[in-house]
């Protein structure tokens, strides 16, 4: 169950899936808007396929999603406030990670590139890699199990290009962006106008060092 988020086309979207279930069952998703009194269901849909995504035009407000299958399983997302404004704060990632996205798009604008969208699936891959690096203390593009960037990004769907920046030890979004922009290879990834989506993962190790991952894809 994903919390409602705003797409680049200013639509609200939320998804749910039945995972680890060997049986089939009708599953219903509802996107709810928090209002005084009884909350309003603004979008509802059902499927027996195990996965469903709902999308609707955005109106400013606080939203959450619920999923129920007819075998008694339920899930509810965290609420999120959506402003429906272009460039509004993303509902994907942490404040620190979104500051990296903001600074990345500011640099890209200087080169005439369009802004990148913080994609939840790309962010999940970046966050997982940063988490592993923070746990092992090893900054490397190769995961401990031998997977490469393209393996970690398999779940994001069809892409035409991808790239990855990693870093360790920088204490802020501005500091890590400065490091990347001063490195020709990392700067080249940031300033590649072909890329359309980004995912940023920032995870602090037990020793207090932040491990950073910045993944780019083109769709």
N, C-alpha and C. Protein backbone atom coordinates (compact mmCIF):
# COMPACT_ATOMS: atom_id res chain seq x y z
N UNK A 1 0.85 -1.18 0.00
CA UNK A 1 0.00 0.00 0.00
C UNK A 1 0.89 1.23 0.00
N UNK A 2 0.78 2.07 -1.04
CA UNK A 2 1.56 3.29 -1.10
C UNK A 2 0.69 4.48 -0.70
N UNK A 3 1.30 5.45 -0.03
CA UNK A 3 0.53 6.64 0.32
C UNK A 3 0.27 7.45 -0.94
N UNK A 4 -0.83 8.20 -1.01
CA UNK A 4 -1.09 9.03 -2.20
C UNK A 4 0.05 10.00 -2.45
N UNK A 5 0.38 10.20 -3.71
CA UNK A 5 1.45 11.13 -4.08
C UNK A 5 1.03 11.88 -5.32
N UNK A 6 1.76 12.95 -5.59
CA UNK A 6 1.47 13.79 -6.75
C UNK A 6 2.41 13.44 -7.88
N UNK A 7 1.85 13.16 -9.06
CA UNK A 7 2.69 12.86 -10.22
C UNK A 7 3.13 14.15 -10.90
N UNK A 8 4.03 13.99 -11.86
CA UNK A 8 4.50 15.15 -12.61
C UNK A 8 3.39 15.82 -13.41
N UNK A 9 2.30 15.08 -13.67
CA UNK A 9 1.16 15.64 -14.41
C UNK A 9 0.07 16.16 -13.46
N UNK A 10 0.44 16.36 -12.19
CA UNK A 10 -0.46 16.90 -11.18
C UNK A 10 -1.70 16.02 -11.00
N UNK A 11 -1.47 14.71 -10.96
CA UNK A 11 -2.51 13.74 -10.64
C UNK A 11 -2.14 13.08 -9.31
N UNK A 12 -3.16 12.71 -8.54
CA UNK A 12 -2.94 11.95 -7.32
C UNK A 12 -2.99 10.47 -7.68
N UNK A 13 -2.01 9.71 -7.18
CA UNK A 13 -1.99 8.28 -7.47
C UNK A 13 -1.62 7.50 -6.22
N UNK A 14 -2.15 6.28 -6.13
CA UNK A 14 -1.83 5.37 -5.04
C UNK A 14 -1.98 3.95 -5.56
N UNK A 15 -1.16 3.03 -5.03
CA UNK A 15 -1.18 1.64 -5.49
C UNK A 15 -1.21 0.68 -4.30
N UNK A 16 -1.70 -0.52 -4.56
CA UNK A 16 -1.66 -1.58 -3.56
C UNK A 16 -1.50 -2.92 -4.27
N UNK A 17 -0.93 -3.88 -3.55
CA UNK A 17 -0.74 -5.21 -4.11
C UNK A 17 -0.89 -6.25 -3.00
N UNK A 18 -1.45 -7.40 -3.36
CA UNK A 18 -1.49 -8.55 -2.44
C UNK A 18 -0.22 -9.35 -2.68
N UNK A 19 0.66 -9.40 -1.67
CA UNK A 19 1.94 -10.10 -1.80
C UNK A 19 2.00 -11.27 -0.84
N UNK A 20 2.59 -12.35 -1.31
CA UNK A 20 2.72 -13.54 -0.46
C UNK A 20 1.43 -14.30 -0.28
N UNK A 21 0.45 -14.04 -1.12
CA UNK A 21 -0.85 -14.72 -1.01
C UNK A 21 -0.97 -15.74 -2.13
N UNK A 22 -1.21 -17.01 -1.78
CA UNK A 22 -1.35 -18.04 -2.80
C UNK A 22 -2.76 -18.13 -3.36
N UNK A 23 -3.72 -17.57 -2.63
CA UNK A 23 -5.10 -17.62 -3.07
C UNK A 23 -5.48 -16.31 -3.77
N UNK A 24 -6.53 -16.32 -4.53
CA UNK A 24 -7.02 -15.12 -5.19
C UNK A 24 -8.18 -14.54 -4.39
N UNK A 25 -8.32 -13.23 -4.46
CA UNK A 25 -9.42 -12.57 -3.75
C UNK A 25 -9.62 -11.20 -4.35
N UNK A 26 -10.84 -10.73 -4.32
CA UNK A 26 -11.14 -9.38 -4.77
C UNK A 26 -10.50 -8.39 -3.79
N UNK A 27 -9.78 -7.42 -4.32
CA UNK A 27 -9.16 -6.39 -3.49
C UNK A 27 -9.70 -5.03 -3.90
N UNK A 28 -10.06 -4.21 -2.91
CA UNK A 28 -10.57 -2.87 -3.18
C UNK A 28 -9.64 -1.83 -2.56
N UNK A 29 -9.33 -0.79 -3.35
CA UNK A 29 -8.54 0.35 -2.88
C UNK A 29 -9.44 1.57 -2.85
N UNK A 30 -9.28 2.37 -1.82
CA UNK A 30 -9.99 3.64 -1.73
C UNK A 30 -8.99 4.74 -1.40
N UNK A 31 -9.07 5.84 -2.13
CA UNK A 31 -8.32 7.05 -1.77
C UNK A 31 -9.28 7.97 -1.04
N UNK A 32 -8.90 8.35 0.16
CA UNK A 32 -9.78 9.14 1.03
C UNK A 32 -9.19 10.53 1.24
N UNK A 33 -10.07 11.51 1.32
CA UNK A 33 -9.65 12.87 1.64
C UNK A 33 -10.15 13.21 3.04
N UNK A 34 -9.23 13.66 3.91
CA UNK A 34 -9.60 14.00 5.28
C UNK A 34 -10.37 15.31 5.31
N UNK A 35 -11.58 15.26 5.84
CA UNK A 35 -12.44 16.44 5.94
C UNK A 35 -13.12 16.41 7.31
N UNK A 36 -13.66 17.54 7.76
CA UNK A 36 -14.41 17.52 9.02
C UNK A 36 -15.55 16.51 8.95
N UNK A 37 -15.74 15.78 10.03
CA UNK A 37 -16.76 14.75 10.02
C UNK A 37 -16.24 13.46 9.40
N UNK A 38 -17.06 12.78 8.66
CA UNK A 38 -16.65 11.53 8.03
C UNK A 38 -15.81 11.80 6.80
N UNK A 39 -14.63 11.16 6.73
CA UNK A 39 -13.73 11.38 5.59
C UNK A 39 -14.40 10.91 4.29
N UNK A 40 -14.08 11.62 3.21
CA UNK A 40 -14.72 11.38 1.93
C UNK A 40 -13.87 10.45 1.07
N UNK A 41 -14.48 9.41 0.51
CA UNK A 41 -13.82 8.55 -0.47
C UNK A 41 -13.88 9.25 -1.82
N UNK A 42 -12.72 9.61 -2.38
CA UNK A 42 -12.70 10.36 -3.63
C UNK A 42 -12.40 9.48 -4.84
N UNK A 43 -11.91 8.29 -4.59
CA UNK A 43 -11.66 7.35 -5.69
C UNK A 43 -11.67 5.94 -5.13
N UNK A 44 -12.30 5.03 -5.86
CA UNK A 44 -12.38 3.65 -5.41
C UNK A 44 -12.26 2.72 -6.61
N UNK A 45 -11.62 1.59 -6.41
CA UNK A 45 -11.51 0.62 -7.49
C UNK A 45 -11.24 -0.76 -6.92
N UNK A 46 -11.51 -1.80 -7.71
CA UNK A 46 -11.33 -3.17 -7.24
C UNK A 46 -10.72 -4.02 -8.35
N UNK A 47 -10.03 -5.09 -7.95
CA UNK A 47 -9.41 -5.99 -8.91
C UNK A 47 -9.25 -7.37 -8.28
N UNK A 48 -9.15 -8.40 -9.11
CA UNK A 48 -8.79 -9.73 -8.65
C UNK A 48 -7.39 -10.10 -9.15
N UNK A 49 -6.70 -9.16 -9.79
CA UNK A 49 -5.38 -9.43 -10.36
C UNK A 49 -4.25 -9.33 -9.34
N UNK A 50 -4.54 -8.83 -8.14
CA UNK A 50 -3.51 -8.74 -7.11
C UNK A 50 -2.82 -7.39 -7.02
N UNK A 51 -2.92 -6.56 -8.06
CA UNK A 51 -2.32 -5.24 -8.06
C UNK A 51 -3.29 -4.23 -8.67
N UNK A 52 -3.29 -3.01 -8.13
CA UNK A 52 -4.17 -1.98 -8.66
C UNK A 52 -3.60 -0.61 -8.33
N UNK A 53 -3.67 0.29 -9.31
CA UNK A 53 -3.26 1.68 -9.13
C UNK A 53 -4.45 2.58 -9.45
N UNK A 54 -4.72 3.53 -8.58
CA UNK A 54 -5.78 4.51 -8.81
C UNK A 54 -5.16 5.87 -9.07
N UNK A 55 -5.78 6.64 -9.96
CA UNK A 55 -5.32 7.99 -10.30
C UNK A 55 -6.52 8.90 -10.41
N UNK A 56 -6.38 10.14 -9.93
CA UNK A 56 -7.46 11.11 -10.05
C UNK A 56 -6.87 12.52 -10.09
N UNK A 57 -7.62 13.49 -10.62
CA UNK A 57 -7.13 14.88 -10.64
C UNK A 57 -6.89 15.38 -9.22
N UNK A 58 -5.87 16.23 -9.07
CA UNK A 58 -5.52 16.70 -7.74
C UNK A 58 -6.36 17.91 -7.32
N UNK A 59 -6.79 17.88 -6.08
CA UNK A 59 -7.36 19.04 -5.39
C UNK A 59 -6.62 19.15 -4.07
N UNK A 60 -6.22 20.35 -3.65
CA UNK A 60 -5.44 20.47 -2.41
C UNK A 60 -6.15 19.85 -1.22
N UNK A 61 -5.39 19.15 -0.39
CA UNK A 61 -5.97 18.54 0.79
C UNK A 61 -5.07 17.47 1.37
N UNK A 62 -5.56 16.80 2.41
CA UNK A 62 -4.84 15.70 3.05
C UNK A 62 -5.50 14.39 2.65
N UNK A 63 -4.68 13.46 2.16
CA UNK A 63 -5.20 12.22 1.60
C UNK A 63 -4.53 11.01 2.26
N UNK A 64 -5.25 9.90 2.28
CA UNK A 64 -4.67 8.62 2.66
C UNK A 64 -5.40 7.54 1.86
N UNK A 65 -4.82 6.36 1.81
CA UNK A 65 -5.41 5.28 1.02
C UNK A 65 -5.62 4.05 1.91
N UNK A 66 -6.64 3.29 1.59
CA UNK A 66 -6.90 2.03 2.29
C UNK A 66 -7.08 0.92 1.26
N UNK A 67 -6.69 -0.28 1.66
CA UNK A 67 -6.86 -1.45 0.79
C UNK A 67 -7.47 -2.57 1.61
N UNK A 68 -8.44 -3.27 1.04
CA UNK A 68 -9.10 -4.37 1.72
C UNK A 68 -9.31 -5.50 0.73
N UNK A 69 -8.94 -6.73 1.12
CA UNK A 69 -9.34 -7.85 0.28
C UNK A 69 -10.46 -8.59 1.00
N UNK A 70 -11.13 -9.44 0.28
CA UNK A 70 -12.31 -10.06 0.85
C UNK A 70 -12.00 -11.39 1.53
N UNK A 71 -10.76 -11.47 2.04
CA UNK A 71 -10.37 -12.53 2.95
C UNK A 71 -9.96 -11.95 4.30
N UNK A 72 -10.29 -10.67 4.48
CA UNK A 72 -10.10 -10.06 5.79
C UNK A 72 -8.83 -9.29 6.00
N UNK A 73 -7.99 -9.15 4.95
CA UNK A 73 -6.75 -8.41 5.09
C UNK A 73 -6.99 -6.93 4.77
N UNK A 74 -6.42 -6.05 5.58
CA UNK A 74 -6.57 -4.62 5.37
C UNK A 74 -5.23 -3.91 5.51
N UNK A 75 -5.12 -2.76 4.89
CA UNK A 75 -3.91 -1.92 5.01
C UNK A 75 -4.33 -0.47 4.85
N UNK A 76 -3.59 0.41 5.50
CA UNK A 76 -3.88 1.83 5.41
C UNK A 76 -2.56 2.59 5.31
N UNK A 77 -2.49 3.54 4.38
CA UNK A 77 -1.27 4.32 4.23
C UNK A 77 -1.22 5.45 5.25
N UNK A 78 -0.06 6.06 5.37
CA UNK A 78 0.05 7.27 6.17
C UNK A 78 -0.61 8.43 5.42
N UNK A 79 -1.18 9.39 6.12
CA UNK A 79 -1.76 10.56 5.45
C UNK A 79 -0.68 11.46 4.90
N UNK A 80 -0.99 12.17 3.84
CA UNK A 80 -0.04 13.10 3.25
C UNK A 80 -0.79 14.34 2.75
N UNK A 81 -0.22 15.50 2.97
CA UNK A 81 -0.83 16.75 2.52
C UNK A 81 -0.30 17.09 1.13
N UNK A 82 -1.20 17.28 0.18
CA UNK A 82 -0.84 17.59 -1.20
C UNK A 82 -1.35 18.99 -1.56
N UNK A 83 -0.47 19.80 -2.15
CA UNK A 83 -0.85 21.17 -2.51
C UNK A 83 -1.27 21.30 -3.96
N UNK A 84 -0.90 20.30 -4.78
CA UNK A 84 -1.26 20.30 -6.21
C UNK A 84 -0.58 21.42 -6.99
N UNK A 85 0.54 21.91 -6.50
CA UNK A 85 1.28 22.96 -7.21
C UNK A 85 2.52 22.37 -7.85
N UNK A 86 2.83 22.76 -9.11
CA UNK A 86 4.07 22.30 -9.73
C UNK A 86 5.26 22.69 -8.86
N UNK A 87 6.16 21.72 -8.65
CA UNK A 87 7.35 22.02 -7.85
C UNK A 87 7.10 21.96 -6.37
N UNK A 88 5.89 21.56 -5.95
CA UNK A 88 5.61 21.46 -4.51
C UNK A 88 6.44 20.34 -3.91
N UNK A 89 6.57 20.35 -2.59
CA UNK A 89 7.37 19.35 -1.91
C UNK A 89 6.89 17.94 -2.26
N UNK A 90 7.83 17.07 -2.53
CA UNK A 90 7.50 15.72 -2.95
C UNK A 90 7.03 14.89 -1.76
N UNK A 91 6.10 13.95 -2.02
CA UNK A 91 5.70 13.01 -0.99
C UNK A 91 6.57 11.77 -1.04
N UNK A 92 7.60 11.77 -1.88
CA UNK A 92 8.55 10.67 -2.00
C UNK A 92 9.81 11.04 -1.23
N UNK A 93 10.29 10.15 -0.37
CA UNK A 93 11.58 10.36 0.28
C UNK A 93 11.52 11.29 1.47
N UNK A 94 12.70 11.48 2.09
CA UNK A 94 12.83 12.31 3.28
C UNK A 94 13.11 13.77 2.89
N UNK A 95 13.05 14.64 3.87
CA UNK A 95 13.36 16.05 3.62
C UNK A 95 14.78 16.20 3.09
N UNK A 96 15.72 15.47 3.67
CA UNK A 96 17.12 15.55 3.22
C UNK A 96 17.26 15.06 1.79
N UNK A 97 16.61 13.96 1.46
CA UNK A 97 16.69 13.43 0.10
C UNK A 97 16.05 14.39 -0.90
N UNK A 98 14.95 14.99 -0.53
CA UNK A 98 14.30 15.94 -1.44
C UNK A 98 15.09 17.23 -1.60
N UNK A 99 15.92 17.56 -0.61
CA UNK A 99 16.80 18.71 -0.78
C UNK A 99 17.85 18.42 -1.84
N UNK A 100 18.31 17.18 -1.91
CA UNK A 100 19.24 16.78 -2.99
C UNK A 100 18.55 16.90 -4.34
N UNK A 101 17.30 16.43 -4.42
CA UNK A 101 16.55 16.55 -5.68
C UNK A 101 16.41 18.02 -6.07
N UNK A 102 16.08 18.87 -5.12
CA UNK A 102 15.91 20.30 -5.38
C UNK A 102 17.21 20.92 -5.90
N UNK A 103 18.32 20.60 -5.27
CA UNK A 103 19.61 21.16 -5.69
C UNK A 103 20.03 20.59 -7.05
N UNK A 104 19.71 19.32 -7.28
CA UNK A 104 20.01 18.71 -8.58
C UNK A 104 19.26 19.42 -9.69
N UNK A 105 17.98 19.67 -9.48
CA UNK A 105 17.18 20.35 -10.50
C UNK A 105 17.62 21.80 -10.69
N UNK A 106 18.11 22.43 -9.64
CA UNK A 106 18.63 23.80 -9.78
C UNK A 106 19.87 23.82 -10.67
N UNK A 107 20.73 22.83 -10.51
CA UNK A 107 21.92 22.74 -11.37
C UNK A 107 21.53 22.42 -12.80
N UNK A 108 20.59 21.53 -12.98
CA UNK A 108 20.15 21.16 -14.32
C UNK A 108 19.52 22.35 -15.04
N UNK A 109 18.80 23.18 -14.30
CA UNK A 109 18.17 24.35 -14.92
C UNK A 109 19.22 25.29 -15.51
N UNK A 110 20.39 25.37 -14.87
CA UNK A 110 21.47 26.22 -15.38
C UNK A 110 21.96 25.73 -16.74
N UNK A 111 21.82 24.43 -16.99
CA UNK A 111 22.25 23.86 -18.26
C UNK A 111 21.12 23.67 -19.25
N UNK A 112 19.93 24.19 -18.91
CA UNK A 112 18.79 24.08 -19.82
C UNK A 112 18.08 22.75 -19.79
N UNK A 113 18.33 21.93 -18.75
CA UNK A 113 17.67 20.63 -18.63
C UNK A 113 16.36 20.76 -17.85
N UNK A 114 15.40 19.94 -18.18
CA UNK A 114 14.13 19.94 -17.45
C UNK A 114 14.33 19.31 -16.07
N UNK A 115 13.47 19.62 -15.12
CA UNK A 115 13.60 19.04 -13.78
C UNK A 115 13.30 17.55 -13.77
N UNK A 116 13.93 16.86 -12.85
CA UNK A 116 13.70 15.44 -12.66
C UNK A 116 12.57 15.20 -11.66
N UNK A 117 11.80 14.16 -11.87
CA UNK A 117 10.75 13.76 -10.94
C UNK A 117 11.31 12.73 -9.97
N UNK A 118 11.06 12.95 -8.66
CA UNK A 118 11.51 11.98 -7.66
C UNK A 118 10.57 10.78 -7.69
N UNK A 119 11.06 9.70 -8.28
CA UNK A 119 10.23 8.51 -8.52
C UNK A 119 10.31 7.56 -7.32
N UNK A 120 9.16 7.06 -6.82
CA UNK A 120 9.19 6.22 -5.62
C UNK A 120 9.94 4.91 -5.81
N UNK A 121 9.86 4.30 -6.99
CA UNK A 121 10.55 3.03 -7.22
C UNK A 121 12.06 3.25 -7.36
N UNK A 122 12.44 4.32 -8.04
CA UNK A 122 13.87 4.63 -8.18
C UNK A 122 14.44 5.01 -6.81
N UNK A 123 13.66 5.78 -6.04
CA UNK A 123 14.10 6.15 -4.70
C UNK A 123 14.26 4.92 -3.83
N UNK A 124 13.35 3.95 -3.94
CA UNK A 124 13.44 2.73 -3.14
C UNK A 124 14.73 1.97 -3.43
N UNK A 125 15.12 1.93 -4.71
CA UNK A 125 16.37 1.26 -5.08
C UNK A 125 17.57 2.01 -4.52
N UNK A 126 17.54 3.34 -4.63
CA UNK A 126 18.64 4.16 -4.11
C UNK A 126 18.74 4.04 -2.59
N UNK A 127 17.60 4.06 -1.91
CA UNK A 127 17.59 3.98 -0.45
C UNK A 127 18.11 2.62 0.01
N UNK A 128 17.71 1.55 -0.68
CA UNK A 128 18.17 0.21 -0.31
C UNK A 128 19.68 0.10 -0.46
N UNK A 129 20.24 0.71 -1.52
CA UNK A 129 21.68 0.63 -1.72
C UNK A 129 22.42 1.45 -0.65
N UNK A 130 21.90 2.63 -0.33
CA UNK A 130 22.51 3.43 0.73
C UNK A 130 22.44 2.71 2.07
N UNK A 131 21.32 2.04 2.32
CA UNK A 131 21.16 1.29 3.57
C UNK A 131 22.21 0.19 3.68
N UNK A 132 22.44 -0.51 2.56
CA UNK A 132 23.45 -1.57 2.59
C UNK A 132 24.85 -0.99 2.81
N UNK A 133 25.17 0.10 2.10
CA UNK A 133 26.49 0.71 2.28
C UNK A 133 26.68 1.20 3.71
N UNK A 134 25.63 1.76 4.31
CA UNK A 134 25.71 2.23 5.69
C UNK A 134 25.91 1.06 6.65
N UNK A 135 25.28 -0.06 6.36
CA UNK A 135 25.38 -1.22 7.23
C UNK A 135 26.76 -1.87 7.15
N UNK A 136 27.30 -1.96 5.92
CA UNK A 136 28.59 -2.63 5.72
C UNK A 136 29.78 -1.69 5.85
N UNK A 137 29.51 -0.37 5.72
CA UNK A 137 30.60 0.60 5.75
C UNK A 137 31.42 0.60 4.47
N UNK A 138 30.88 0.02 3.40
CA UNK A 138 31.60 -0.10 2.14
C UNK A 138 30.90 0.68 1.04
N UNK A 139 31.53 1.76 0.56
CA UNK A 139 30.94 2.56 -0.52
C UNK A 139 31.36 1.96 -1.85
N UNK A 140 30.42 1.40 -2.56
CA UNK A 140 30.72 0.71 -3.82
C UNK A 140 29.47 0.66 -4.66
N UNK A 141 29.62 0.72 -5.99
CA UNK A 141 28.47 0.57 -6.88
C UNK A 141 28.00 -0.88 -6.95
N UNK A 142 28.84 -1.82 -6.54
CA UNK A 142 28.47 -3.23 -6.53
C UNK A 142 27.94 -3.61 -5.16
N UNK A 143 26.74 -4.20 -5.14
CA UNK A 143 26.14 -4.64 -3.88
C UNK A 143 26.92 -5.82 -3.32
N UNK A 144 26.69 -6.12 -2.04
CA UNK A 144 27.39 -7.21 -1.38
C UNK A 144 27.12 -8.56 -2.06
N UNK A 145 25.93 -8.69 -2.69
CA UNK A 145 25.60 -9.95 -3.37
C UNK A 145 26.00 -9.95 -4.83
N UNK A 146 26.75 -8.91 -5.25
CA UNK A 146 27.26 -8.86 -6.62
C UNK A 146 26.39 -8.12 -7.60
N UNK A 147 25.22 -7.64 -7.16
CA UNK A 147 24.34 -6.91 -8.08
C UNK A 147 24.92 -5.56 -8.44
N UNK A 148 24.64 -5.14 -9.67
CA UNK A 148 25.05 -3.83 -10.16
C UNK A 148 23.83 -2.90 -10.19
N UNK A 149 24.06 -1.65 -10.54
CA UNK A 149 22.99 -0.66 -10.60
C UNK A 149 21.81 -1.15 -11.44
N UNK A 150 22.11 -1.70 -12.62
CA UNK A 150 21.03 -2.13 -13.52
C UNK A 150 20.20 -3.26 -12.91
N UNK A 151 20.82 -4.07 -12.04
CA UNK A 151 20.07 -5.13 -11.36
C UNK A 151 19.15 -4.53 -10.31
N UNK A 152 19.66 -3.55 -9.57
CA UNK A 152 18.86 -2.95 -8.50
C UNK A 152 17.69 -2.14 -9.06
N UNK A 153 17.81 -1.67 -10.31
CA UNK A 153 16.77 -0.84 -10.92
C UNK A 153 15.82 -1.63 -11.82
N UNK A 154 15.91 -2.94 -11.79
CA UNK A 154 15.05 -3.76 -12.64
C UNK A 154 13.56 -3.52 -12.36
N UNK A 155 13.23 -3.23 -11.12
CA UNK A 155 11.84 -3.10 -10.74
C UNK A 155 11.18 -1.80 -11.13
N UNK A 156 11.91 -0.87 -11.76
CA UNK A 156 11.32 0.44 -12.07
C UNK A 156 10.61 0.44 -13.42
N UNK A 157 10.70 -0.65 -14.17
CA UNK A 157 10.06 -0.69 -15.48
C UNK A 157 11.05 -0.41 -16.59
N UNK A 158 10.51 -0.29 -17.80
CA UNK A 158 11.36 -0.10 -18.98
C UNK A 158 11.98 1.29 -18.99
N UNK A 159 13.29 1.36 -19.17
CA UNK A 159 14.00 2.63 -19.25
C UNK A 159 14.94 2.59 -20.44
N UNK A 160 15.32 3.76 -20.93
CA UNK A 160 16.23 3.82 -22.08
C UNK A 160 17.66 4.13 -21.65
N UNK A 161 17.85 4.61 -20.42
CA UNK A 161 19.20 4.91 -19.93
C UNK A 161 19.14 5.03 -18.41
N UNK A 162 20.28 4.81 -17.76
CA UNK A 162 20.36 4.95 -16.31
C UNK A 162 21.78 5.28 -15.89
N UNK A 163 21.91 5.85 -14.71
CA UNK A 163 23.23 6.19 -14.16
C UNK A 163 23.11 6.28 -12.65
N UNK A 164 24.26 6.27 -11.97
CA UNK A 164 24.26 6.29 -10.51
C UNK A 164 25.44 7.08 -9.98
N UNK A 165 25.17 7.92 -8.99
CA UNK A 165 26.20 8.60 -8.21
C UNK A 165 26.11 8.10 -6.77
N UNK A 166 27.26 7.85 -6.13
CA UNK A 166 27.27 7.51 -4.72
C UNK A 166 28.30 8.36 -4.01
N UNK A 167 28.17 8.48 -2.71
CA UNK A 167 29.10 9.28 -1.91
C UNK A 167 29.00 8.84 -0.47
N UNK A 168 29.99 9.25 0.32
CA UNK A 168 30.04 8.88 1.74
C UNK A 168 30.63 10.02 2.56
N UNK A 169 29.97 10.33 3.67
CA UNK A 169 30.56 11.22 4.66
C UNK A 169 30.14 12.67 4.60
N UNK A 170 29.58 13.12 3.48
CA UNK A 170 29.14 14.51 3.40
C UNK A 170 27.99 14.73 4.38
N UNK A 171 27.96 15.87 5.04
CA UNK A 171 27.03 16.08 6.15
C UNK A 171 25.73 16.75 5.76
N UNK A 172 25.61 17.21 4.51
CA UNK A 172 24.40 17.91 4.08
C UNK A 172 24.18 17.69 2.60
N UNK A 173 22.97 18.04 2.15
CA UNK A 173 22.66 17.95 0.72
C UNK A 173 23.57 18.87 -0.09
N UNK A 174 23.80 20.07 0.42
CA UNK A 174 24.66 21.02 -0.30
C UNK A 174 26.08 20.49 -0.41
N UNK A 175 26.56 19.84 0.65
CA UNK A 175 27.94 19.33 0.64
C UNK A 175 28.10 18.19 -0.35
N UNK A 176 27.14 17.26 -0.37
CA UNK A 176 27.27 16.14 -1.31
C UNK A 176 27.09 16.61 -2.75
N UNK A 177 26.20 17.58 -2.98
CA UNK A 177 26.04 18.11 -4.33
C UNK A 177 27.30 18.82 -4.78
N UNK A 178 27.96 19.52 -3.86
CA UNK A 178 29.22 20.17 -4.21
C UNK A 178 30.28 19.16 -4.62
N UNK A 179 30.33 18.04 -3.90
CA UNK A 179 31.30 16.99 -4.24
C UNK A 179 31.02 16.42 -5.62
N UNK A 180 29.75 16.13 -5.88
CA UNK A 180 29.40 15.56 -7.18
C UNK A 180 29.63 16.54 -8.32
N UNK A 181 29.27 17.79 -8.12
CA UNK A 181 29.42 18.77 -9.19
C UNK A 181 30.89 19.08 -9.48
N UNK A 182 31.77 18.81 -8.53
CA UNK A 182 33.21 19.03 -8.74
C UNK A 182 33.91 17.80 -9.29
N UNK A 183 33.14 16.74 -9.56
CA UNK A 183 33.68 15.52 -10.16
C UNK A 183 33.11 15.37 -11.56
N UNK A 184 33.95 15.36 -12.60
CA UNK A 184 33.44 15.36 -13.98
C UNK A 184 32.44 14.25 -14.28
N UNK A 185 32.70 13.04 -13.82
CA UNK A 185 31.79 11.93 -14.12
C UNK A 185 30.45 12.08 -13.42
N UNK A 186 30.47 12.47 -12.16
CA UNK A 186 29.23 12.66 -11.42
C UNK A 186 28.44 13.86 -11.97
N UNK A 187 29.18 14.91 -12.31
CA UNK A 187 28.53 16.10 -12.88
C UNK A 187 27.86 15.75 -14.20
N UNK A 188 28.50 14.90 -14.98
CA UNK A 188 27.94 14.51 -16.28
C UNK A 188 26.59 13.82 -16.09
N UNK A 189 26.48 12.98 -15.08
CA UNK A 189 25.19 12.31 -14.81
C UNK A 189 24.12 13.33 -14.43
N UNK A 190 24.48 14.26 -13.56
CA UNK A 190 23.51 15.26 -13.09
C UNK A 190 23.03 16.15 -14.23
N UNK A 191 23.94 16.49 -15.13
CA UNK A 191 23.62 17.44 -16.19
C UNK A 191 23.18 16.79 -17.50
N UNK A 192 22.92 15.49 -17.48
CA UNK A 192 22.44 14.80 -18.68
C UNK A 192 20.96 15.10 -18.86
N UNK A 193 20.64 15.84 -19.89
CA UNK A 193 19.26 16.28 -20.12
C UNK A 193 18.34 15.16 -20.56
N UNK A 194 18.89 13.98 -20.88
CA UNK A 194 18.05 12.87 -21.29
C UNK A 194 17.30 12.25 -20.12
N UNK A 195 17.83 12.39 -18.92
CA UNK A 195 17.21 11.75 -17.78
C UNK A 195 15.92 12.47 -17.39
N UNK A 196 14.93 11.67 -16.94
CA UNK A 196 13.60 12.22 -16.62
C UNK A 196 13.21 12.01 -15.15
N UNK A 197 13.79 10.98 -14.51
CA UNK A 197 13.41 10.63 -13.14
C UNK A 197 14.66 10.40 -12.29
N UNK A 198 14.51 10.61 -11.01
CA UNK A 198 15.62 10.46 -10.07
C UNK A 198 15.12 9.73 -8.83
N UNK A 199 16.05 9.09 -8.14
CA UNK A 199 15.78 8.53 -6.82
C UNK A 199 16.98 8.80 -5.94
N UNK A 200 16.75 9.32 -4.75
CA UNK A 200 17.84 9.64 -3.83
C UNK A 200 17.65 8.87 -2.54
N UNK A 201 18.73 8.24 -2.07
CA UNK A 201 18.73 7.57 -0.78
C UNK A 201 19.84 8.11 0.09
N UNK A 202 19.52 8.54 1.29
CA UNK A 202 20.51 9.04 2.25
C UNK A 202 20.30 8.32 3.57
N UNK A 203 21.29 7.53 3.98
CA UNK A 203 21.15 6.71 5.19
C UNK A 203 22.37 6.90 6.07
N UNK A 204 22.14 7.12 7.35
CA UNK A 204 23.23 7.34 8.31
C UNK A 204 23.64 6.00 8.91
N UNK A 205 24.96 5.76 8.96
CA UNK A 205 25.48 4.53 9.54
C UNK A 205 25.44 4.61 11.06
N UNK A 206 25.75 3.49 11.71
CA UNK A 206 25.79 3.47 13.18
C UNK A 206 26.84 4.42 13.72
N UNK A 207 27.85 4.74 12.90
CA UNK A 207 28.88 5.68 13.30
C UNK A 207 28.57 7.12 12.98
N UNK A 208 27.40 7.36 12.39
CA UNK A 208 26.97 8.73 12.11
C UNK A 208 27.35 9.26 10.75
N UNK A 209 27.97 8.44 9.88
CA UNK A 209 28.33 8.88 8.53
C UNK A 209 27.15 8.64 7.59
N UNK A 210 26.88 9.60 6.72
CA UNK A 210 25.77 9.45 5.77
C UNK A 210 26.29 8.84 4.47
N UNK A 211 25.62 7.82 4.00
CA UNK A 211 25.91 7.22 2.71
C UNK A 211 24.82 7.65 1.73
N UNK A 212 25.25 8.14 0.58
CA UNK A 212 24.36 8.75 -0.39
C UNK A 212 24.31 7.94 -1.67
N UNK A 213 23.12 7.80 -2.25
CA UNK A 213 22.95 7.22 -3.58
C UNK A 213 22.00 8.11 -4.37
N UNK A 214 22.37 8.36 -5.62
CA UNK A 214 21.57 9.18 -6.52
C UNK A 214 21.43 8.39 -7.82
N UNK A 215 20.23 7.87 -8.09
CA UNK A 215 19.99 7.07 -9.30
C UNK A 215 19.18 7.90 -10.31
N UNK A 216 19.55 7.78 -11.57
CA UNK A 216 18.88 8.50 -12.67
C UNK A 216 18.37 7.49 -13.68
N UNK A 217 17.18 7.76 -14.24
CA UNK A 217 16.68 6.95 -15.36
C UNK A 217 16.07 7.88 -16.40
N UNK A 218 16.00 7.37 -17.63
CA UNK A 218 15.32 8.06 -18.72
C UNK A 218 14.16 7.21 -19.17
N UNK A 219 12.99 7.84 -19.29
CA UNK A 219 11.79 7.14 -19.79
C UNK A 219 11.30 7.83 -21.03
